[in-house]
C-alpha atoms as a PDB file:
ATOM      1  CA  MET A   1      26.452 186.208 127.357  1.00  0.00           C
ATOM      2  CA  ALA A   2      27.613 187.599 130.703  1.00  0.00           C
ATOM      3  CA  ARG A   3      29.234 185.296 133.234  1.00  0.00           C
ATOM      4  CA  ARG A   4      27.369 184.731 136.440  1.00  0.00           C
ATOM      5  CA  LYS A   5      29.000 186.053 139.583  1.00  0.00           C
ATOM      6  CA  LYS A   6      30.283 183.482 142.027  1.00  0.00           C
ATOM      7  CA  ARG A   7      28.476 183.364 145.328  1.00  0.00           C
ATOM      8  CA  PRO A   8      30.537 184.533 148.279  1.00  0.00           C
ATOM      9  CA  LEU A   9      32.088 181.822 150.410  1.00  0.00           C
ATOM     10  CA  PRO A  10      30.391 181.049 153.726  1.00  0.00           C
ATOM     11  CA  ASP A  11      31.682 183.207 156.552  1.00  0.00           C
ATOM     12  CA  ILE A  12      33.971 181.160 158.823  1.00  0.00           C
ATOM     13  CA  LYS A  13      35.247 184.060 160.939  1.00  0.00           C
ATOM     14  CA  ASP A  14      33.237 182.961 164.008  1.00  0.00           C
ATOM     15  CA  ILE A  15      34.719 179.461 163.812  1.00  0.00           C
ATOM     16  CA  LEU A  16      38.253 180.866 163.478  1.00  0.00           C
ATOM     17  CA  LYS A  17      37.721 183.348 166.318  1.00  0.00           C
ATOM     18  CA  SER A  18      36.882 180.461 168.668  1.00  0.00           C
ATOM     19  CA  LEU A  19      40.242 178.833 167.776  1.00  0.00           C
ATOM     20  CA  GLU A  20      42.525 181.903 167.976  1.00  0.00           C
ATOM     21  CA  ASN A  21      43.644 181.146 171.541  1.00  0.00           C
ATOM     22  CA  ASP A  22      44.952 177.711 170.556  1.00  0.00           C
ATOM     23  CA  PHE A  23      46.330 178.332 167.054  1.00  0.00           C
ATOM     24  CA  ASP A  24      48.076 181.033 165.060  1.00  0.00           C
ATOM     25  CA  ILE A  25      45.450 181.277 162.314  1.00  0.00           C
ATOM     26  CA  GLN A  26      45.102 183.825 159.574  1.00  0.00           C
ATOM     27  CA  LEU A  27      42.487 184.067 156.806  1.00  0.00           C
ATOM     28  CA  PHE A  28      43.844 185.206 153.414  1.00  0.00           C
ATOM     29  CA  ARG A  29      42.175 186.398 150.222  1.00  0.00           C
ATOM     30  CA  LEU A  30      42.724 184.473 147.003  1.00  0.00           C
ATOM     31  CA  GLN A  31      45.033 187.253 145.787  1.00  0.00           C
ATOM     32  CA  ASP A  32      47.236 186.857 148.897  1.00  0.00           C
ATOM     33  CA  ILE A  33      48.225 183.215 148.435  1.00  0.00           C
ATOM     34  CA  PRO A  34      51.999 183.977 148.434  1.00  0.00           C
ATOM     35  CA  SER A  35      51.592 185.573 151.877  1.00  0.00           C
ATOM     36  CA  ALA A  36      49.508 182.611 153.022  1.00  0.00           C
ATOM     37  CA  VAL A  37      52.236 180.190 151.930  1.00  0.00           C
ATOM     38  CA  ALA A  38      54.910 182.182 153.789  1.00  0.00           C
ATOM     39  CA  TRP A  39      52.705 182.254 156.925  1.00  0.00           C
ATOM     40  CA  ALA A  40      52.052 178.496 156.717  1.00  0.00           C
ATOM     41  CA  GLU A  41      55.675 177.541 156.111  1.00  0.00           C
ATOM     42  CA  ARG A  42      56.507 179.066 159.513  1.00  0.00           C
ATOM     43  CA  GLY A  43      54.208 176.523 161.210  1.00  0.00           C
ATOM     44  CA  ASN A  44      51.120 178.740 161.374  1.00  0.00           C
ATOM     45  CA  ILE A  45      47.727 177.842 159.936  1.00  0.00           C
ATOM     46  CA  ALA A  46      46.751 179.766 156.812  1.00  0.00           C
ATOM     47  CA  ILE A  47      43.311 179.557 155.261  1.00  0.00           C
ATOM     48  CA  HIS A  48      42.575 181.027 151.866  1.00  0.00           C
ATOM     49  CA  GLU A  49      39.762 180.995 149.354  1.00  0.00           C
ATOM     50  CA  ASN A  50      39.962 178.114 146.899  1.00  0.00           C
ATOM     51  CA  TYR A  51      37.151 178.049 144.339  1.00  0.00           C
ATOM     52  CA  HIS A  52      36.676 174.763 142.500  1.00  0.00           C
ATOM     53  CA  SER A  53      33.563 175.831 140.602  1.00  0.00           C
ATOM     54  CA  ARG A  54      30.479 177.970 141.090  1.00  0.00           C
ATOM     55  CA  ARG A  55      28.814 175.103 142.934  1.00  0.00           C
ATOM     56  CA  ARG A  56      31.770 173.870 144.980  1.00  0.00           C
ATOM     57  CA  GLN A  57      33.381 176.743 146.787  1.00  0.00           C
ATOM     58  CA  SER A  58      36.041 175.854 149.274  1.00  0.00           C
ATOM     59  CA  TYR A  59      38.815 177.005 151.537  1.00  0.00           C
ATOM     60  CA  HIS A  60      42.362 175.676 151.385  1.00  0.00           C
ATOM     61  CA  VAL A  61      43.886 175.096 154.840  1.00  0.00           C
ATOM     62  CA  ILE A  62      47.698 174.925 154.931  1.00  0.00           C
ATOM     63  CA  CYS A  63      50.358 174.581 157.623  1.00  0.00           C
ATOM     64  CA  GLY A  64      54.075 173.778 157.667  1.00  0.00           C
ATOM     65  CA  GLU A  65      53.714 171.641 160.803  1.00  0.00           C
ATOM     66  CA  LYS A  66      51.598 168.526 160.308  1.00  0.00           C
ATOM     67  CA  ASP A  67      51.027 168.201 164.071  1.00  0.00           C
ATOM     68  CA  ASN A  68      49.472 171.692 164.200  1.00  0.00           C
ATOM     69  CA  LEU A  69      47.193 170.905 161.277  1.00  0.00           C
ATOM     70  CA  GLU A  70      46.174 167.585 162.840  1.00  0.00           C
ATOM     71  CA  ARG A  71      45.286 169.344 166.124  1.00  0.00           C
ATOM     72  CA  PHE A  72      43.326 171.928 164.140  1.00  0.00           C
ATOM     73  CA  CYS A  73      41.420 169.153 162.331  1.00  0.00           C
ATOM     74  CA  HIS A  74      40.562 167.435 165.611  1.00  0.00           C
ATOM     75  CA  ARG A  75      39.234 170.708 167.055  1.00  0.00           C
ATOM     76  CA  ILE A  76      36.855 171.284 164.150  1.00  0.00           C
ATOM     77  CA  GLY A  77      35.848 167.637 163.742  1.00  0.00           C
ATOM     78  CA  VAL A  78      37.760 166.801 160.572  1.00  0.00           C
ATOM     79  CA  SER A  79      39.586 163.538 160.078  1.00  0.00           C
ATOM     80  CA  PRO A  80      43.366 164.066 159.790  1.00  0.00           C
ATOM     81  CA  ASP A  81      43.235 161.513 156.953  1.00  0.00           C
ATOM     82  CA  TYR A  82      42.297 164.411 154.655  1.00  0.00           C
ATOM     83  CA  ILE A  83      45.698 166.046 155.162  1.00  0.00           C
ATOM     84  CA  THR A  84      48.184 165.621 152.329  1.00  0.00           C
ATOM     85  CA  ALA A  85      51.686 166.925 151.671  1.00  0.00           C
ATOM     86  CA  SER A  86      52.193 169.630 149.077  1.00  0.00           C
ATOM     87  CA  GLU A  87      54.185 168.526 146.056  1.00  0.00           C
ATOM     88  CA  PHE A  88      55.765 171.934 145.515  1.00  0.00           C
ATOM     89  CA  PHE A  89      55.831 173.738 148.880  1.00  0.00           C
ATOM     90  CA  ARG A  90      56.922 172.971 152.426  1.00  0.00           C
ATOM     91  CA  PHE A  91      53.482 172.568 153.964  1.00  0.00           C
ATOM     92  CA  TRP A  92      50.654 170.150 154.621  1.00  0.00           C
ATOM     93  CA  HIS A  93      47.160 170.954 153.409  1.00  0.00           C
ATOM     94  CA  LEU A  94      43.524 169.999 153.049  1.00  0.00           C
ATOM     95  CA  THR A  95      40.552 171.381 151.164  1.00  0.00           C
ATOM     96  CA  TRP A  96      37.571 172.459 153.275  1.00  0.00           C
ATOM     97  CA  PHE A  97      34.068 172.717 151.735  1.00  0.00           C
ATOM     98  CA  PRO A  98      31.874 174.641 154.195  1.00  0.00           C
ATOM     99  CA  GLU A  99      28.154 174.527 153.544  1.00  0.00           C
ATOM    100  CA  GLN A 100      25.959 177.605 153.729  1.00  0.00           C
ATOM    101  CA  ALA A 101      24.180 176.324 156.872  1.00  0.00           C
ATOM    102  CA  LYS A 102      24.923 178.058 160.150  1.00  0.00           C
ATOM    103  CA  PRO A 103      24.697 176.613 163.679  1.00  0.00           C
ATOM    104  CA  GLN A 104      21.338 177.114 165.342  1.00  0.00           C
ATOM    105  CA  ALA A 105      21.142 179.695 168.115  1.00  0.00           C
ATOM    106  CA  GLY A 106      21.793 178.211 171.517  1.00  0.00           C
ATOM    107  CA  ASN A 107      23.546 175.127 170.166  1.00  0.00           C
ATOM    108  CA  LYS A 108      26.558 174.515 172.419  1.00  0.00           C
ATOM    109  CA  THR A 109      28.113 171.847 170.184  1.00  0.00           C
ATOM    110  CA  PRO A 110      31.578 172.948 169.024  1.00  0.00           C
ATOM    111  CA  PRO A 111      32.002 173.563 165.280  1.00  0.00           C
ATOM    112  CA  GLY A 112      32.372 170.339 163.346  1.00  0.00           C
ATOM    113  CA  ARG A 113      30.440 167.931 161.177  1.00  0.00           C
ATOM    114  CA  ASN A 114      27.137 168.719 162.874  1.00  0.00           C
ATOM    115  CA  GLN A 115      27.549 172.434 162.271  1.00  0.00           C
ATOM    116  CA  GLY A 116      27.078 172.574 158.504  1.00  0.00           C
ATOM    117  CA  LEU A 117      30.663 171.761 157.533  1.00  0.00           C
ATOM    118  CA  THR A 118      31.547 169.165 154.940  1.00  0.00           C
ATOM    119  CA  TYR A 119      35.081 167.951 154.369  1.00  0.00           C
ATOM    120  CA  ILE A 120      36.144 166.171 151.205  1.00  0.00           C
ATOM    121  CA  HIS A 121      39.571 164.814 150.486  1.00  0.00           C
ATOM    122  CA  PRO A 122      41.249 167.043 147.847  1.00  0.00           C
ATOM    123  CA  CYS A 123      42.026 164.065 145.595  1.00  0.00           C
ATOM    124  CA  ARG A 124      38.428 162.840 145.425  1.00  0.00           C
END
């Protein structure tokens, strides 16, 4: 029996583009995690694919500076309580579960909980 292909992750490039002026953000592929870790350990925000299962696709958001990650969370409407320290690396992180929904045209509300994004603590 052939394995089903995983659905692609929701596109978050528009959300990240709106934050580029305030943060050094870079989106990484799953294969580029070592580069993402190096980027994050310098205090930048790295986001990479992080599949949990076919149904629960997610992004992993990492940063070496907790203050930067907290500011990032506030800007996108995520509670900083979801941030945890890495056990093995020198960065802080959270797991981000974006939904497939996209903001409606003309909606001026900044990206956040009302824009189809769901955030779940990585330990839950």
